[in-house]
Amino acid sequence: MRVAGEFDGIDKYLKPEFLKGRTPAQAVVEEKLREDRIRATGCGVVRWVWAELMAPGVLERKLAAAGVPRRRPRGGF
């Protein structure tokens, strides 16, 4: 299965420049509908936030759980 990844944050629900006249609830609903469209193509979706990105191993485990294969570093290490 293919997997789409998305770095997520809460600013898009709080800052007027990202909301563009929408309420936070409208922004969440639009995001859920967009994610449904992605899933309808047969892709899985995995999301992560800053805290997960900064904690050692958390993003790696999250991607592995979503089925993203791990690649070995170049150079044969």
N, C-alpha and C. Protein backbone atom coordinates (compact mmCIF):
# COMPACT_ATOMS: atom_id res chain seq x y z
N MET A 1 0.85 -1.18 0.00
CA MET A 1 0.00 0.00 0.00
C MET A 1 0.90 1.24 0.00
N ARG A 2 0.50 2.23 -0.73
CA ARG A 2 1.20 3.52 -0.72
C ARG A 2 0.78 4.27 0.53
N VAL A 3 1.69 5.14 0.98
CA VAL A 3 1.42 5.93 2.18
C VAL A 3 1.78 7.38 1.91
N ALA A 4 0.86 8.27 2.24
CA ALA A 4 1.12 9.71 2.17
C ALA A 4 1.44 10.18 3.58
N GLY A 5 2.47 10.99 3.72
CA GLY A 5 2.84 11.52 5.02
C GLY A 5 2.59 13.01 5.08
N GLU A 6 2.25 13.48 6.29
CA GLU A 6 1.99 14.91 6.44
C GLU A 6 2.51 15.40 7.79
N PHE A 7 3.34 16.41 7.72
CA PHE A 7 3.78 17.11 8.92
C PHE A 7 2.64 18.03 9.31
N ASP A 8 2.17 17.91 10.52
CA ASP A 8 0.97 18.62 10.93
C ASP A 8 1.28 19.60 12.06
N GLY A 9 0.49 20.61 12.16
CA GLY A 9 0.65 21.59 13.23
C GLY A 9 -0.69 22.20 13.57
N ILE A 10 -0.75 22.87 14.71
CA ILE A 10 -2.03 23.44 15.13
C ILE A 10 -2.20 24.90 14.69
N ASP A 11 -1.12 25.53 14.22
CA ASP A 11 -1.25 26.93 13.81
C ASP A 11 -2.30 27.12 12.73
N LYS A 12 -2.47 26.13 11.88
CA LYS A 12 -3.45 26.29 10.79
C LYS A 12 -4.88 26.35 11.30
N TYR A 13 -5.09 25.96 12.57
CA TYR A 13 -6.42 26.05 13.17
C TYR A 13 -6.58 27.30 14.03
N LEU A 14 -5.48 28.01 14.26
CA LEU A 14 -5.51 29.12 15.21
C LEU A 14 -5.23 30.48 14.59
N LYS A 15 -4.39 30.53 13.58
CA LYS A 15 -3.97 31.82 13.04
C LYS A 15 -4.86 32.25 11.87
N PRO A 16 -5.36 33.48 11.92
CA PRO A 16 -6.25 33.97 10.87
C PRO A 16 -5.65 33.86 9.47
N GLU A 17 -4.34 34.07 9.33
CA GLU A 17 -3.74 34.01 8.00
C GLU A 17 -3.81 32.61 7.40
N PHE A 18 -3.93 31.59 8.23
CA PHE A 18 -4.07 30.23 7.72
C PHE A 18 -5.55 29.84 7.60
N LEU A 19 -6.39 30.39 8.46
CA LEU A 19 -7.82 30.07 8.43
C LEU A 19 -8.52 30.71 7.23
N LYS A 20 -8.03 31.86 6.80
CA LYS A 20 -8.59 32.55 5.63
C LYS A 20 -10.11 32.69 5.71
N GLY A 21 -10.58 33.20 6.86
CA GLY A 21 -12.00 33.47 7.02
C GLY A 21 -12.83 32.29 7.52
N ARG A 22 -12.22 31.13 7.64
CA ARG A 22 -12.94 29.96 8.13
C ARG A 22 -12.84 29.89 9.65
N THR A 23 -13.76 29.18 10.26
CA THR A 23 -13.64 28.88 11.68
C THR A 23 -12.68 27.69 11.83
N PRO A 24 -12.12 27.51 13.02
CA PRO A 24 -11.29 26.32 13.23
C PRO A 24 -12.04 25.03 12.92
N ALA A 25 -13.32 24.97 13.28
CA ALA A 25 -14.11 23.76 13.00
C ALA A 25 -14.21 23.51 11.49
N GLN A 26 -14.42 24.56 10.72
CA GLN A 26 -14.48 24.41 9.26
C GLN A 26 -13.15 23.90 8.71
N ALA A 27 -12.06 24.42 9.25
CA ALA A 27 -10.74 23.98 8.80
C ALA A 27 -10.52 22.50 9.09
N VAL A 28 -10.95 22.05 10.26
CA VAL A 28 -10.81 20.63 10.61
C VAL A 28 -11.66 19.77 9.67
N VAL A 29 -12.89 20.16 9.43
CA VAL A 29 -13.76 19.38 8.55
C VAL A 29 -13.17 19.31 7.14
N GLU A 30 -12.69 20.42 6.63
CA GLU A 30 -12.07 20.42 5.30
C GLU A 30 -10.86 19.50 5.25
N GLU A 31 -10.08 19.52 6.31
CA GLU A 31 -8.90 18.64 6.36
C GLU A 31 -9.31 17.18 6.37
N LYS A 32 -10.33 16.84 7.14
CA LYS A 32 -10.81 15.46 7.19
C LYS A 32 -11.35 15.01 5.82
N LEU A 33 -12.06 15.88 5.14
CA LEU A 33 -12.57 15.54 3.81
C LEU A 33 -11.42 15.35 2.81
N ARG A 34 -10.39 16.19 2.92
CA ARG A 34 -9.23 16.05 2.05
C ARG A 34 -8.53 14.72 2.32
N GLU A 35 -8.39 14.38 3.59
CA GLU A 35 -7.77 13.11 3.93
C GLU A 35 -8.60 11.93 3.43
N ASP A 36 -9.92 12.04 3.51
CA ASP A 36 -10.79 10.99 2.95
C ASP A 36 -10.55 10.81 1.45
N ARG A 37 -10.34 11.92 0.74
CA ARG A 37 -10.07 11.83 -0.71
C ARG A 37 -8.73 11.13 -0.97
N ILE A 38 -7.75 11.41 -0.13
CA ILE A 38 -6.46 10.73 -0.28
C ILE A 38 -6.63 9.24 -0.03
N ARG A 39 -7.32 8.87 1.04
CA ARG A 39 -7.53 7.46 1.37
C ARG A 39 -8.34 6.75 0.27
N ALA A 40 -9.25 7.46 -0.36
CA ALA A 40 -10.06 6.86 -1.43
C ALA A 40 -9.22 6.44 -2.63
N THR A 41 -8.01 6.98 -2.76
CA THR A 41 -7.12 6.59 -3.85
C THR A 41 -6.37 5.30 -3.53
N GLY A 42 -6.54 4.79 -2.31
CA GLY A 42 -5.84 3.59 -1.90
C GLY A 42 -4.61 3.86 -1.06
N CYS A 43 -4.34 5.11 -0.80
CA CYS A 43 -3.19 5.49 0.03
C CYS A 43 -3.57 5.48 1.51
N GLY A 44 -2.62 5.10 2.33
CA GLY A 44 -2.77 5.32 3.75
C GLY A 44 -2.27 6.72 4.06
N VAL A 45 -2.57 7.21 5.23
CA VAL A 45 -2.12 8.55 5.63
C VAL A 45 -1.49 8.44 7.02
N VAL A 46 -0.31 9.00 7.16
CA VAL A 46 0.35 9.08 8.46
C VAL A 46 0.71 10.53 8.71
N ARG A 47 0.47 10.98 9.94
CA ARG A 47 0.72 12.37 10.30
C ARG A 47 1.70 12.42 11.46
N TRP A 48 2.46 13.51 11.53
CA TRP A 48 3.33 13.73 12.68
C TRP A 48 3.38 15.20 13.00
N VAL A 49 3.69 15.48 14.26
CA VAL A 49 3.77 16.86 14.75
C VAL A 49 5.20 17.10 15.26
N TRP A 50 5.48 18.37 15.61
CA TRP A 50 6.83 18.73 16.05
C TRP A 50 7.34 17.83 17.16
N ALA A 51 6.52 17.57 18.17
CA ALA A 51 6.98 16.77 19.30
C ALA A 51 7.43 15.39 18.85
N GLU A 52 6.73 14.78 17.90
CA GLU A 52 7.12 13.46 17.39
C GLU A 52 8.38 13.55 16.55
N LEU A 53 8.53 14.63 15.85
CA LEU A 53 9.72 14.82 15.03
C LEU A 53 10.96 15.00 15.88
N MET A 54 10.82 15.63 17.03
CA MET A 54 11.96 15.94 17.88
C MET A 54 12.34 14.81 18.84
N ALA A 55 11.43 13.87 19.07
CA ALA A 55 11.71 12.77 20.00
C ALA A 55 12.40 11.63 19.24
N PRO A 56 13.58 11.23 19.68
CA PRO A 56 14.33 10.19 18.97
C PRO A 56 13.52 8.91 18.76
N GLY A 57 13.45 8.48 17.51
CA GLY A 57 12.81 7.22 17.16
C GLY A 57 11.31 7.25 16.99
N VAL A 58 10.64 8.29 17.45
CA VAL A 58 9.18 8.31 17.40
C VAL A 58 8.68 8.35 15.96
N LEU A 59 9.21 9.25 15.14
CA LEU A 59 8.76 9.32 13.75
C LEU A 59 9.10 8.03 13.01
N GLU A 60 10.28 7.49 13.26
CA GLU A 60 10.68 6.24 12.62
C GLU A 60 9.70 5.12 12.95
N ARG A 61 9.31 4.99 14.20
CA ARG A 61 8.34 3.96 14.60
C ARG A 61 6.97 4.22 13.99
N LYS A 62 6.58 5.46 13.94
CA LYS A 62 5.27 5.81 13.36
C LYS A 62 5.23 5.46 11.88
N LEU A 63 6.29 5.79 11.15
CA LEU A 63 6.34 5.46 9.73
C LEU A 63 6.37 3.95 9.51
N ALA A 64 7.13 3.24 10.33
CA ALA A 64 7.18 1.78 10.23
C ALA A 64 5.80 1.17 10.48
N ALA A 65 5.09 1.68 11.47
CA ALA A 65 3.75 1.17 11.77
C ALA A 65 2.78 1.42 10.63
N ALA A 66 3.04 2.46 9.85
CA ALA A 66 2.18 2.78 8.70
C ALA A 66 2.58 1.98 7.46
N GLY A 67 3.66 1.19 7.57
CA GLY A 67 4.07 0.35 6.45
C GLY A 67 5.13 0.96 5.55
N VAL A 68 5.74 2.06 5.98
CA VAL A 68 6.78 2.68 5.16
C VAL A 68 8.07 1.87 5.36
N PRO A 69 8.64 1.34 4.27
CA PRO A 69 9.86 0.53 4.43
C PRO A 69 11.05 1.39 4.82
N ARG A 70 11.92 0.82 5.61
CA ARG A 70 13.13 1.51 6.02
C ARG A 70 14.20 1.29 4.96
N ARG A 71 14.89 2.35 4.60
CA ARG A 71 15.99 2.26 3.63
C ARG A 71 17.31 2.32 4.37
N ARG A 72 18.25 1.57 3.87
CA ARG A 72 19.60 1.63 4.44
C ARG A 72 20.29 2.88 3.92
N PRO A 73 21.15 3.49 4.74
CA PRO A 73 21.89 4.67 4.28
C PRO A 73 22.76 4.33 3.08
N ARG A 74 22.97 5.29 2.22
CA ARG A 74 23.86 5.08 1.07
C ARG A 74 25.29 4.88 1.56
N GLY A 75 26.06 4.15 0.80
CA GLY A 75 27.45 3.93 1.18
C GLY A 75 27.67 2.61 1.88
N GLY A 76 26.62 1.79 2.01
CA GLY A 76 26.77 0.45 2.55
C GLY A 76 26.96 0.36 4.05
N PHE A 77 26.57 1.34 4.79
CA PHE A 77 26.74 1.30 6.25
C PHE A 77 25.79 0.31 6.85
